[in-house]
Amino acid sequence: MKNIFKLMRRLALALVLASASSVAAAGTIHVAIDTSGFGAASGYVDMQLSASAGVPLATAVITNLSGFDSSAFIDSWGVTPVAGGGYAFRNDTSNDLFHAVNFGGVLSFDLTFAGAYDPLTTYVSHFVVSAFDENFALLGNYDPVSGALADFAWTPALSANGEGSIGRDINDPAVTAVPEPTALLLLGVGLLGIALVQRRRSA
């Protein structure tokens, strides 16, 4: 019984470390932005995926938008609406999405990356999120160069059977980004399976 408790403690610690890590396995990340300290009643959230010609294709898809109104300005054909609500961004062409919002509460969305593998990792795609007031002045604690509240970097898999990874660079503490529960659950099941195999070997 003591060994089981030890195993469960290790599993819980592994899950906490995985959720706090700056690099997550490919999957869906839930992003939330607490805009109560922005000092503006309304404005825009700007999202874009870095793009360049001739690079391995990567996509970023946002779904389950909460706190966003129905007014969105798409600045290029590299952004397309997706069924059920949300938008898909491509890294092989220009893309930019300005979405009207009311500030003062929490805005949230789910972010999912996918893409072709690249054994040389010649290009890492960056999905950046910024906030502007009605006069297009930047809001929040943003990066002085990019203007981003948060930057999510997609590094492609090295092989066809591999998984890419997602890095997070969050400039404003009002932004939180955590893996969706399904990703954590899969990680937990995998770790538990490894631990059980090791236990059987030692027995």
N, C-alpha and C. Protein backbone atom coordinates (compact mmCIF):
# COMPACT_ATOMS: atom_id res chain seq x y z
N MET A 1 0.83 -1.20 0.00
CA MET A 1 0.00 0.00 0.00
C MET A 1 0.87 1.26 0.00
N LYS A 2 1.98 1.20 0.75
CA LYS A 2 2.87 2.35 0.82
C LYS A 2 3.46 2.67 -0.56
N ASN A 3 3.78 1.59 -1.31
CA ASN A 3 4.33 1.79 -2.65
C ASN A 3 3.32 2.45 -3.58
N ILE A 4 2.06 2.10 -3.43
CA ILE A 4 1.02 2.70 -4.27
C ILE A 4 0.92 4.20 -3.98
N PHE A 5 0.96 4.57 -2.71
CA PHE A 5 0.90 5.99 -2.35
C PHE A 5 2.11 6.74 -2.91
N LYS A 6 3.30 6.10 -2.85
CA LYS A 6 4.50 6.72 -3.41
C LYS A 6 4.33 6.95 -4.91
N LEU A 7 3.79 5.93 -5.57
CA LEU A 7 3.57 6.01 -7.01
C LEU A 7 2.60 7.14 -7.35
N MET A 8 1.52 7.25 -6.59
CA MET A 8 0.53 8.29 -6.85
C MET A 8 1.13 9.68 -6.60
N ARG A 9 1.96 9.81 -5.58
CA ARG A 9 2.60 11.09 -5.31
C ARG A 9 3.53 11.49 -6.46
N ARG A 10 4.28 10.51 -6.95
CA ARG A 10 5.19 10.79 -8.08
C ARG A 10 4.41 11.18 -9.32
N LEU A 11 3.29 10.50 -9.55
CA LEU A 11 2.46 10.81 -10.71
C LEU A 11 1.90 12.22 -10.60
N ALA A 12 1.41 12.60 -9.43
CA ALA A 12 0.87 13.94 -9.23
C ALA A 12 1.95 15.00 -9.46
N LEU A 13 3.16 14.73 -8.95
CA LEU A 13 4.27 15.67 -9.14
C LEU A 13 4.61 15.80 -10.61
N ALA A 14 4.62 14.68 -11.33
CA ALA A 14 4.93 14.72 -12.75
C ALA A 14 3.90 15.54 -13.52
N LEU A 15 2.62 15.42 -13.14
CA LEU A 15 1.57 16.19 -13.81
C LEU A 15 1.73 17.68 -13.53
N VAL A 16 2.06 18.03 -12.31
CA VAL A 16 2.27 19.44 -11.98
C VAL A 16 3.45 20.00 -12.76
N LEU A 17 4.55 19.25 -12.82
CA LEU A 17 5.72 19.72 -13.56
C LEU A 17 5.41 19.85 -15.04
N ALA A 18 4.64 18.91 -15.57
CA ALA A 18 4.31 18.97 -16.99
C ALA A 18 3.47 20.20 -17.31
N SER A 19 2.51 20.54 -16.43
CA SER A 19 1.65 21.69 -16.70
C SER A 19 2.40 22.99 -16.52
N ALA A 20 3.45 23.00 -15.70
CA ALA A 20 4.21 24.22 -15.47
C ALA A 20 5.35 24.39 -16.44
N SER A 21 5.66 23.38 -17.21
CA SER A 21 6.81 23.42 -18.11
C SER A 21 6.62 24.47 -19.20
N SER A 22 7.74 25.07 -19.65
CA SER A 22 7.65 26.06 -20.72
C SER A 22 7.50 25.40 -22.08
N VAL A 23 7.70 24.10 -22.18
CA VAL A 23 7.51 23.39 -23.43
C VAL A 23 6.55 22.24 -23.18
N ALA A 24 5.50 22.18 -23.98
CA ALA A 24 4.49 21.14 -23.83
C ALA A 24 4.48 20.28 -25.07
N ALA A 25 4.07 19.03 -24.90
CA ALA A 25 3.90 18.17 -26.06
C ALA A 25 2.80 18.74 -26.93
N ALA A 26 2.85 18.42 -28.22
CA ALA A 26 1.84 18.93 -29.14
C ALA A 26 0.46 18.56 -28.65
N GLY A 27 -0.45 19.47 -28.72
CA GLY A 27 -1.81 19.24 -28.27
C GLY A 27 -2.54 20.56 -28.20
N THR A 28 -3.56 20.61 -27.37
CA THR A 28 -4.36 21.82 -27.23
C THR A 28 -4.03 22.52 -25.92
N ILE A 29 -3.85 23.83 -26.00
CA ILE A 29 -3.58 24.65 -24.83
C ILE A 29 -4.76 25.60 -24.61
N HIS A 30 -5.21 25.69 -23.36
CA HIS A 30 -6.27 26.63 -23.02
C HIS A 30 -5.63 27.94 -22.58
N VAL A 31 -5.94 29.02 -23.30
CA VAL A 31 -5.36 30.33 -23.04
C VAL A 31 -6.43 31.23 -22.45
N ALA A 32 -6.12 31.89 -21.33
CA ALA A 32 -7.05 32.84 -20.70
C ALA A 32 -6.32 34.15 -20.46
N ILE A 33 -7.02 35.26 -20.68
CA ILE A 33 -6.44 36.60 -20.49
C ILE A 33 -7.36 37.38 -19.57
N ASP A 34 -6.88 37.72 -18.40
CA ASP A 34 -7.64 38.55 -17.46
C ASP A 34 -7.41 40.01 -17.84
N THR A 35 -8.43 40.64 -18.40
CA THR A 35 -8.29 42.00 -18.92
C THR A 35 -8.75 43.07 -17.92
N SER A 36 -8.99 42.68 -16.68
CA SER A 36 -9.52 43.64 -15.70
C SER A 36 -8.55 44.77 -15.41
N GLY A 37 -7.26 44.59 -15.63
CA GLY A 37 -6.28 45.64 -15.37
C GLY A 37 -5.84 46.40 -16.60
N PHE A 38 -6.52 46.23 -17.72
CA PHE A 38 -6.09 46.87 -18.97
C PHE A 38 -6.42 48.36 -19.01
N GLY A 39 -7.39 48.80 -18.24
CA GLY A 39 -7.74 50.22 -18.22
C GLY A 39 -8.47 50.71 -19.44
N ALA A 40 -9.10 49.82 -20.17
CA ALA A 40 -9.89 50.19 -21.35
C ALA A 40 -11.18 49.37 -21.34
N ALA A 41 -12.25 49.98 -21.83
CA ALA A 41 -13.54 49.29 -21.82
C ALA A 41 -13.68 48.34 -23.00
N SER A 42 -13.12 48.72 -24.12
CA SER A 42 -13.26 47.88 -25.31
C SER A 42 -12.06 48.08 -26.23
N GLY A 43 -11.95 47.23 -27.20
CA GLY A 43 -10.82 47.30 -28.13
C GLY A 43 -10.74 46.04 -28.95
N TYR A 44 -9.49 45.55 -29.13
CA TYR A 44 -9.27 44.42 -30.02
C TYR A 44 -8.21 43.49 -29.46
N VAL A 45 -8.37 42.22 -29.75
CA VAL A 45 -7.31 41.25 -29.54
C VAL A 45 -6.78 40.89 -30.92
N ASP A 46 -5.48 41.02 -31.08
CA ASP A 46 -4.85 40.73 -32.36
C ASP A 46 -4.09 39.42 -32.26
N MET A 47 -4.27 38.54 -33.24
CA MET A 47 -3.59 37.26 -33.27
C MET A 47 -3.01 37.04 -34.65
N GLN A 48 -1.78 36.51 -34.69
CA GLN A 48 -1.19 36.16 -35.97
C GLN A 48 -0.14 35.08 -35.80
N LEU A 49 0.04 34.32 -36.86
CA LEU A 49 1.03 33.24 -36.90
C LEU A 49 2.14 33.68 -37.85
N SER A 50 3.39 33.70 -37.36
CA SER A 50 4.49 34.13 -38.22
C SER A 50 4.49 33.32 -39.51
N ALA A 51 4.75 34.00 -40.62
CA ALA A 51 4.61 33.35 -41.92
C ALA A 51 5.79 33.64 -42.82
N SER A 52 6.12 32.66 -43.65
CA SER A 52 7.19 32.83 -44.62
C SER A 52 6.96 31.83 -45.75
N ALA A 53 7.33 32.20 -46.95
CA ALA A 53 7.15 31.29 -48.09
C ALA A 53 8.18 30.16 -48.03
N GLY A 54 7.77 29.00 -48.53
CA GLY A 54 8.69 27.88 -48.67
C GLY A 54 9.10 27.19 -47.38
N VAL A 55 8.28 27.31 -46.33
CA VAL A 55 8.60 26.65 -45.07
C VAL A 55 7.66 25.46 -44.86
N PRO A 56 8.03 24.48 -44.01
CA PRO A 56 7.12 23.38 -43.72
C PRO A 56 5.80 23.93 -43.15
N LEU A 57 4.70 23.45 -43.69
CA LEU A 57 3.39 23.98 -43.31
C LEU A 57 3.09 23.72 -41.84
N ALA A 58 2.62 24.76 -41.16
CA ALA A 58 2.11 24.64 -39.79
C ALA A 58 0.82 25.42 -39.70
N THR A 59 -0.08 24.95 -38.87
CA THR A 59 -1.34 25.65 -38.64
C THR A 59 -1.56 25.86 -37.15
N ALA A 60 -2.21 26.95 -36.83
CA ALA A 60 -2.67 27.21 -35.47
C ALA A 60 -4.17 27.44 -35.56
N VAL A 61 -4.93 26.71 -34.75
CA VAL A 61 -6.39 26.82 -34.78
C VAL A 61 -6.87 27.25 -33.41
N ILE A 62 -7.69 28.31 -33.37
CA ILE A 62 -8.29 28.74 -32.11
C ILE A 62 -9.78 28.39 -32.13
N THR A 63 -10.26 27.81 -31.05
CA THR A 63 -11.66 27.41 -30.92
C THR A 63 -12.14 27.75 -29.51
N ASN A 64 -13.43 27.54 -29.28
CA ASN A 64 -14.04 27.77 -27.96
C ASN A 64 -13.74 29.17 -27.44
N LEU A 65 -13.91 30.16 -28.30
CA LEU A 65 -13.68 31.54 -27.90
C LEU A 65 -14.73 31.98 -26.89
N SER A 66 -14.29 32.59 -25.80
CA SER A 66 -15.19 33.08 -24.76
C SER A 66 -14.84 34.54 -24.46
N GLY A 67 -15.86 35.42 -24.45
CA GLY A 67 -15.65 36.83 -24.18
C GLY A 67 -15.42 37.65 -25.43
N PHE A 68 -15.37 37.00 -26.60
CA PHE A 68 -15.19 37.70 -27.87
C PHE A 68 -16.57 37.99 -28.47
N ASP A 69 -16.73 39.16 -29.10
CA ASP A 69 -18.03 39.42 -29.73
C ASP A 69 -18.00 38.88 -31.17
N SER A 70 -19.00 39.26 -31.95
CA SER A 70 -19.13 38.66 -33.28
C SER A 70 -18.37 39.43 -34.36
N SER A 71 -17.68 40.49 -33.99
CA SER A 71 -17.01 41.33 -34.99
C SER A 71 -15.53 40.97 -35.10
N ALA A 72 -15.14 40.44 -36.26
CA ALA A 72 -13.74 40.07 -36.48
C ALA A 72 -13.29 40.60 -37.84
N PHE A 73 -12.09 41.16 -37.88
CA PHE A 73 -11.51 41.65 -39.12
C PHE A 73 -10.34 40.77 -39.50
N ILE A 74 -10.48 40.06 -40.62
CA ILE A 74 -9.42 39.18 -41.12
C ILE A 74 -8.63 39.94 -42.17
N ASP A 75 -7.33 40.11 -41.94
CA ASP A 75 -6.50 40.97 -42.77
C ASP A 75 -5.79 40.22 -43.90
N SER A 76 -6.09 38.96 -44.11
CA SER A 76 -5.44 38.24 -45.21
C SER A 76 -6.15 36.91 -45.41
N TRP A 77 -5.83 36.23 -46.51
CA TRP A 77 -6.48 34.95 -46.76
C TRP A 77 -5.82 33.81 -46.01
N GLY A 78 -4.78 34.11 -45.21
CA GLY A 78 -4.13 33.09 -44.40
C GLY A 78 -4.90 32.75 -43.14
N VAL A 79 -6.03 33.42 -42.89
CA VAL A 79 -6.91 33.12 -41.76
C VAL A 79 -8.27 32.74 -42.31
N THR A 80 -8.80 31.60 -41.88
CA THR A 80 -10.12 31.18 -42.33
C THR A 80 -10.97 30.75 -41.14
N PRO A 81 -12.28 31.05 -41.18
CA PRO A 81 -13.16 30.57 -40.11
C PRO A 81 -13.25 29.04 -40.14
N VAL A 82 -13.45 28.44 -38.98
CA VAL A 82 -13.61 26.99 -38.90
C VAL A 82 -15.01 26.66 -38.41
N ALA A 83 -15.49 25.49 -38.78
CA ALA A 83 -16.83 25.06 -38.39
C ALA A 83 -16.95 25.01 -36.87
N GLY A 84 -18.09 25.47 -36.37
CA GLY A 84 -18.31 25.44 -34.93
C GLY A 84 -17.79 26.68 -34.21
N GLY A 85 -17.15 27.59 -34.94
CA GLY A 85 -16.64 28.82 -34.35
C GLY A 85 -15.15 28.75 -34.09
N GLY A 86 -14.44 29.75 -34.54
CA GLY A 86 -13.00 29.79 -34.37
C GLY A 86 -12.33 30.11 -35.69
N TYR A 87 -11.00 30.06 -35.70
CA TYR A 87 -10.23 30.46 -36.88
C TYR A 87 -8.99 29.59 -37.02
N ALA A 88 -8.60 29.36 -38.28
CA ALA A 88 -7.38 28.62 -38.58
C ALA A 88 -6.38 29.57 -39.25
N PHE A 89 -5.12 29.51 -38.81
CA PHE A 89 -4.04 30.34 -39.33
C PHE A 89 -3.03 29.43 -40.02
N ARG A 90 -2.47 29.89 -41.16
CA ARG A 90 -1.44 29.15 -41.88
C ARG A 90 -0.14 29.93 -41.84
N ASN A 91 0.99 29.21 -41.74
CA ASN A 91 2.28 29.89 -41.66
C ASN A 91 2.95 30.08 -43.02
N ASP A 92 2.27 29.68 -44.10
CA ASP A 92 2.90 29.82 -45.42
C ASP A 92 2.42 31.06 -46.18
N THR A 93 1.64 31.89 -45.50
CA THR A 93 1.18 33.12 -46.13
C THR A 93 0.83 34.14 -45.05
N SER A 94 0.70 35.39 -45.45
CA SER A 94 0.37 36.46 -44.50
C SER A 94 -0.96 36.16 -43.80
N ASN A 95 -1.02 36.44 -42.50
CA ASN A 95 -2.26 36.22 -41.75
C ASN A 95 -2.32 37.18 -40.58
N ASP A 96 -3.51 37.66 -40.28
CA ASP A 96 -3.70 38.56 -39.14
C ASP A 96 -5.19 38.61 -38.83
N LEU A 97 -5.52 38.54 -37.55
CA LEU A 97 -6.92 38.58 -37.12
C LEU A 97 -7.06 39.61 -36.01
N PHE A 98 -7.89 40.64 -36.26
CA PHE A 98 -8.28 41.59 -35.22
C PHE A 98 -9.69 41.23 -34.80
N HIS A 99 -9.85 40.93 -33.51
CA HIS A 99 -11.18 40.56 -33.02
C HIS A 99 -11.63 41.57 -31.98
N ALA A 100 -12.81 42.14 -32.19
CA ALA A 100 -13.36 43.11 -31.24
C ALA A 100 -13.74 42.41 -29.94
N VAL A 101 -13.47 43.08 -28.82
CA VAL A 101 -13.78 42.52 -27.50
C VAL A 101 -14.17 43.65 -26.54
N ASN A 102 -14.83 43.28 -25.47
CA ASN A 102 -15.05 44.18 -24.34
C ASN A 102 -14.10 43.75 -23.24
N PHE A 103 -13.29 44.68 -22.75
CA PHE A 103 -12.34 44.38 -21.70
C PHE A 103 -12.99 44.51 -20.32
N GLY A 104 -12.31 44.00 -19.31
CA GLY A 104 -12.81 44.06 -17.94
C GLY A 104 -13.03 42.69 -17.33
N GLY A 105 -13.13 41.68 -18.19
CA GLY A 105 -13.32 40.31 -17.73
C GLY A 105 -12.24 39.40 -18.27
N VAL A 106 -12.54 38.12 -18.32
CA VAL A 106 -11.59 37.13 -18.81
C VAL A 106 -11.96 36.71 -20.23
N LEU A 107 -11.00 36.79 -21.13
CA LEU A 107 -11.14 36.28 -22.48
C LEU A 107 -10.42 34.94 -22.54
N SER A 108 -10.95 33.99 -23.27
CA SER A 108 -10.25 32.71 -23.36
C SER A 108 -10.51 32.03 -24.69
N PHE A 109 -9.62 31.11 -25.03
CA PHE A 109 -9.76 30.31 -26.23
C PHE A 109 -8.84 29.11 -26.12
N ASP A 110 -9.10 28.11 -26.94
CA ASP A 110 -8.24 26.94 -27.03
C ASP A 110 -7.36 27.08 -28.28
N LEU A 111 -6.09 26.76 -28.14
CA LEU A 111 -5.12 26.89 -29.23
C LEU A 111 -4.52 25.52 -29.53
N THR A 112 -4.64 25.11 -30.80
CA THR A 112 -4.13 23.80 -31.23
C THR A 112 -3.19 23.98 -32.42
N PHE A 113 -2.00 23.40 -32.32
CA PHE A 113 -1.04 23.44 -33.43
C PHE A 113 -0.99 22.09 -34.13
N ALA A 114 -0.65 22.14 -35.40
CA ALA A 114 -0.36 20.93 -36.18
C ALA A 114 0.55 21.36 -37.31
N GLY A 115 1.18 20.39 -37.95
CA GLY A 115 2.02 20.76 -39.08
C GLY A 115 2.88 19.64 -39.59
N ALA A 116 3.53 19.92 -40.71
CA ALA A 116 4.43 18.95 -41.33
C ALA A 116 5.69 18.79 -40.50
N TYR A 117 6.31 17.63 -40.61
CA TYR A 117 7.56 17.42 -39.89
C TYR A 117 8.71 18.06 -40.64
N ASP A 118 9.79 18.32 -39.93
CA ASP A 118 10.96 18.97 -40.52
C ASP A 118 12.21 18.46 -39.81
N PRO A 119 12.95 17.52 -40.40
CA PRO A 119 14.12 16.94 -39.73
C PRO A 119 15.21 17.96 -39.42
N LEU A 120 15.21 19.09 -40.11
CA LEU A 120 16.25 20.10 -39.88
C LEU A 120 15.76 21.25 -39.00
N THR A 121 14.49 21.25 -38.66
CA THR A 121 13.87 22.34 -37.89
C THR A 121 14.33 23.69 -38.44
N THR A 122 14.04 23.90 -39.72
CA THR A 122 14.49 25.13 -40.38
C THR A 122 13.62 26.34 -40.04
N TYR A 123 12.42 26.10 -39.50
CA TYR A 123 11.53 27.23 -39.22
C TYR A 123 10.66 26.90 -38.01
N VAL A 124 10.67 27.79 -37.03
CA VAL A 124 9.79 27.68 -35.86
C VAL A 124 8.73 28.75 -36.00
N SER A 125 7.47 28.37 -35.96
CA SER A 125 6.36 29.32 -36.14
C SER A 125 5.96 29.91 -34.79
N HIS A 126 5.65 31.21 -34.79
CA HIS A 126 5.27 31.90 -33.57
C HIS A 126 3.84 32.44 -33.70
N PHE A 127 2.98 32.04 -32.76
CA PHE A 127 1.62 32.56 -32.69
C PHE A 127 1.60 33.61 -31.58
N VAL A 128 1.40 34.87 -31.96
CA VAL A 128 1.48 35.96 -30.98
C VAL A 128 0.10 36.56 -30.74
N VAL A 129 -0.13 36.96 -29.50
CA VAL A 129 -1.41 37.55 -29.08
C VAL A 129 -1.13 38.92 -28.47
N SER A 130 -1.81 39.95 -28.98
CA SER A 130 -1.66 41.31 -28.47
C SER A 130 -3.05 41.89 -28.20
N ALA A 131 -3.09 42.98 -27.43
CA ALA A 131 -4.36 43.65 -27.14
C ALA A 131 -4.20 45.15 -27.41
N PHE A 132 -5.24 45.75 -27.98
CA PHE A 132 -5.24 47.18 -28.32
C PHE A 132 -6.53 47.83 -27.83
N ASP A 133 -6.44 49.12 -27.50
CA ASP A 133 -7.68 49.84 -27.18
C ASP A 133 -8.30 50.33 -28.49
N GLU A 134 -9.37 51.13 -28.38
CA GLU A 134 -10.09 51.59 -29.58
C GLU A 134 -9.23 52.49 -30.46
N ASN A 135 -8.19 53.09 -29.88
CA ASN A 135 -7.28 53.95 -30.66
C ASN A 135 -6.03 53.20 -31.11
N PHE A 136 -6.05 51.89 -30.96
CA PHE A 136 -4.95 51.00 -31.37
C PHE A 136 -3.66 51.25 -30.60
N ALA A 137 -3.81 51.64 -29.33
CA ALA A 137 -2.67 51.69 -28.42
C ALA A 137 -2.56 50.33 -27.73
N LEU A 138 -1.33 49.82 -27.61
CA LEU A 138 -1.13 48.51 -27.00
C LEU A 138 -1.52 48.53 -25.53
N LEU A 139 -2.07 47.41 -25.05
CA LEU A 139 -2.51 47.27 -23.67
C LEU A 139 -1.75 46.14 -22.98
N GLY A 140 -1.74 46.21 -21.64
CA GLY A 140 -1.13 45.15 -20.86
C GLY A 140 0.38 45.25 -20.79
N ASN A 141 0.99 44.23 -20.20
CA ASN A 141 2.46 44.14 -20.13
C ASN A 141 2.94 43.38 -21.36
N TYR A 142 3.27 44.10 -22.39
CA TYR A 142 3.60 43.49 -23.67
C TYR A 142 5.10 43.56 -23.95
N ASP A 143 5.54 42.69 -24.84
CA ASP A 143 6.93 42.71 -25.28
C ASP A 143 7.18 44.00 -26.07
N PRO A 144 8.23 44.76 -25.73
CA PRO A 144 8.45 46.05 -26.39
C PRO A 144 8.79 45.93 -27.88
N VAL A 145 9.26 44.78 -28.30
CA VAL A 145 9.60 44.60 -29.72
C VAL A 145 8.40 44.11 -30.53
N SER A 146 7.77 43.02 -30.05
CA SER A 146 6.67 42.42 -30.81
C SER A 146 5.30 42.96 -30.42
N GLY A 147 5.20 43.57 -29.23
CA GLY A 147 3.90 44.02 -28.75
C GLY A 147 3.04 42.89 -28.21
N ALA A 148 3.61 41.71 -28.07
CA ALA A 148 2.82 40.53 -27.69
C ALA A 148 2.65 40.39 -26.18
N LEU A 149 1.45 40.06 -25.78
CA LEU A 149 1.19 39.64 -24.40
C LEU A 149 1.75 38.24 -24.19
N ALA A 150 1.65 37.42 -25.23
CA ALA A 150 2.13 36.04 -25.17
C ALA A 150 2.55 35.59 -26.55
N ASP A 151 3.55 34.72 -26.58
CA ASP A 151 4.10 34.18 -27.83
C ASP A 151 4.18 32.67 -27.68
N PHE A 152 3.46 31.95 -28.54
CA PHE A 152 3.45 30.49 -28.50
C PHE A 152 4.21 29.99 -29.73
N ALA A 153 5.31 29.26 -29.48
CA ALA A 153 6.19 28.82 -30.57
C ALA A 153 5.94 27.35 -30.90
N TRP A 154 5.71 27.08 -32.17
CA TRP A 154 5.53 25.70 -32.65
C TRP A 154 6.82 25.22 -33.31
N THR A 155 7.44 24.20 -32.71
CA THR A 155 8.60 23.55 -33.29
C THR A 155 8.14 22.25 -33.91
N PRO A 156 8.33 22.06 -35.23
CA PRO A 156 7.80 20.86 -35.87
C PRO A 156 8.50 19.59 -35.42
N ALA A 157 7.81 18.48 -35.62
CA ALA A 157 8.39 17.17 -35.33
C ALA A 157 9.58 16.93 -36.25
N LEU A 158 10.51 16.09 -35.79
CA LEU A 158 11.70 15.77 -36.60
C LEU A 158 11.46 14.64 -37.58
N SER A 159 10.37 13.88 -37.38
CA SER A 159 10.07 12.76 -38.26
C SER A 159 8.56 12.65 -38.46
N ALA A 160 8.17 11.85 -39.44
CA ALA A 160 6.76 11.72 -39.77
C ALA A 160 5.95 11.15 -38.61
N ASN A 161 6.57 10.33 -37.79
CA ASN A 161 5.86 9.71 -36.67
C ASN A 161 6.02 10.47 -35.36
N GLY A 162 6.75 11.59 -35.41
CA GLY A 162 7.01 12.33 -34.18
C GLY A 162 5.95 13.37 -33.88
N GLU A 163 6.13 14.07 -32.78
CA GLU A 163 5.22 15.14 -32.39
C GLU A 163 6.00 16.44 -32.28
N GLY A 164 5.38 17.51 -32.72
CA GLY A 164 5.98 18.82 -32.52
C GLY A 164 5.83 19.24 -31.07
N SER A 165 6.41 20.38 -30.73
CA SER A 165 6.30 20.86 -29.35
C SER A 165 5.89 22.33 -29.35
N ILE A 166 5.29 22.74 -28.24
CA ILE A 166 4.80 24.10 -28.10
C ILE A 166 5.55 24.79 -26.96
N GLY A 167 6.20 25.89 -27.28
CA GLY A 167 6.86 26.69 -26.26
C GLY A 167 6.01 27.90 -25.92
N ARG A 168 6.10 28.37 -24.69
CA ARG A 168 5.29 29.50 -24.25
C ARG A 168 6.18 30.59 -23.68
N ASP A 169 6.03 31.81 -24.21
CA ASP A 169 6.73 32.97 -23.68
C ASP A 169 5.66 34.00 -23.31
N ILE A 170 5.33 34.05 -22.03
CA ILE A 170 4.23 34.91 -21.57
C ILE A 170 4.80 36.16 -20.92
N ASN A 171 4.45 37.32 -21.47
CA ASN A 171 4.96 38.59 -20.99
C ASN A 171 4.07 39.22 -19.93
N ASP A 172 2.80 38.93 -19.97
CA ASP A 172 1.85 39.53 -19.03
C ASP A 172 1.32 38.45 -18.09
N PRO A 173 1.48 38.64 -16.76
CA PRO A 173 0.99 37.63 -15.82
C PRO A 173 -0.53 37.46 -15.85
N ALA A 174 -1.22 38.37 -16.54
CA ALA A 174 -2.67 38.22 -16.70
C ALA A 174 -3.02 37.11 -17.67
N VAL A 175 -2.02 36.61 -18.40
CA VAL A 175 -2.24 35.52 -19.36
C VAL A 175 -1.84 34.20 -18.73
N THR A 176 -2.72 33.23 -18.82
CA THR A 176 -2.40 31.87 -18.38
C THR A 176 -2.59 30.92 -19.56
N ALA A 177 -1.76 29.90 -19.62
CA ALA A 177 -1.85 28.92 -20.70
C ALA A 177 -1.54 27.55 -20.13
N VAL A 178 -2.52 26.67 -20.15
CA VAL A 178 -2.33 25.33 -19.59
C VAL A 178 -2.82 24.29 -20.58
N PRO A 179 -2.18 23.10 -20.60
CA PRO A 179 -2.67 22.03 -21.47
C PRO A 179 -4.09 21.65 -21.10
N GLU A 180 -4.86 21.26 -22.09
CA GLU A 180 -6.22 20.80 -21.84
C GLU A 180 -6.18 19.52 -20.98
N PRO A 181 -7.22 19.27 -20.18
CA PRO A 181 -7.22 18.09 -19.30
C PRO A 181 -6.96 16.77 -20.01
N THR A 182 -7.43 16.66 -21.27
CA THR A 182 -7.20 15.40 -21.98
C THR A 182 -5.71 15.15 -22.19
N ALA A 183 -4.95 16.22 -22.47
CA ALA A 183 -3.51 16.06 -22.67
C ALA A 183 -2.85 15.61 -21.37
N LEU A 184 -3.26 16.21 -20.25
CA LEU A 184 -2.69 15.82 -18.96
C LEU A 184 -3.08 14.39 -18.60
N LEU A 185 -4.32 14.03 -18.94
CA LEU A 185 -4.78 12.67 -18.63
C LEU A 185 -3.97 11.65 -19.40
N LEU A 186 -3.73 11.91 -20.69
CA LEU A 186 -2.92 10.99 -21.49
C LEU A 186 -1.51 10.87 -20.94
N LEU A 187 -0.95 12.00 -20.52
CA LEU A 187 0.38 11.99 -19.93
C LEU A 187 0.38 11.16 -18.65
N GLY A 188 -0.64 11.36 -17.83
CA GLY A 188 -0.72 10.62 -16.57
C GLY A 188 -0.84 9.12 -16.79
N VAL A 189 -1.66 8.72 -17.77
CA VAL A 189 -1.81 7.29 -18.07
C VAL A 189 -0.49 6.70 -18.54
N GLY A 190 0.22 7.46 -19.39
CA GLY A 190 1.52 6.98 -19.87
C GLY A 190 2.52 6.82 -18.75
N LEU A 191 2.59 7.81 -17.85
CA LEU A 191 3.52 7.73 -16.72
C LEU A 191 3.16 6.59 -15.78
N LEU A 192 1.87 6.40 -15.57
CA LEU A 192 1.42 5.31 -14.70
C LEU A 192 1.81 3.96 -15.29
N GLY A 193 1.64 3.84 -16.63
CA GLY A 193 2.02 2.59 -17.28
C GLY A 193 3.50 2.30 -17.14
N ILE A 194 4.33 3.34 -17.31
CA ILE A 194 5.79 3.18 -17.16
C ILE A 194 6.13 2.75 -15.74
N ALA A 195 5.48 3.39 -14.76
CA ALA A 195 5.76 3.07 -13.36
C ALA A 195 5.37 1.63 -13.04
N LEU A 196 4.25 1.16 -13.58
CA LEU A 196 3.82 -0.21 -13.32
C LEU A 196 4.78 -1.22 -13.93
N VAL A 197 5.27 -0.92 -15.14
CA VAL A 197 6.24 -1.82 -15.77
C VAL A 197 7.52 -1.89 -14.94
N GLN A 198 8.00 -0.75 -14.47
CA GLN A 198 9.22 -0.74 -13.65
C GLN A 198 9.00 -1.49 -12.34
N ARG A 199 7.82 -1.37 -11.79
CA ARG A 199 7.53 -2.06 -10.52
C ARG A 199 7.55 -3.58 -10.72
N ARG A 200 6.96 -4.02 -11.85
CA ARG A 200 6.96 -5.47 -12.12
C ARG A 200 8.38 -5.99 -12.32
N ARG A 201 9.20 -5.20 -13.02
CA ARG A 201 10.58 -5.62 -13.26
C ARG A 201 11.35 -5.75 -11.95
N SER A 202 11.15 -4.76 -11.07
CA SER A 202 11.88 -4.81 -9.79
C SER A 202 11.38 -5.93 -8.90
N ALA A 203 10.09 -6.31 -9.08
CA ALA A 203 9.56 -7.42 -8.27
C ALA A 203 10.08 -8.75 -8.78
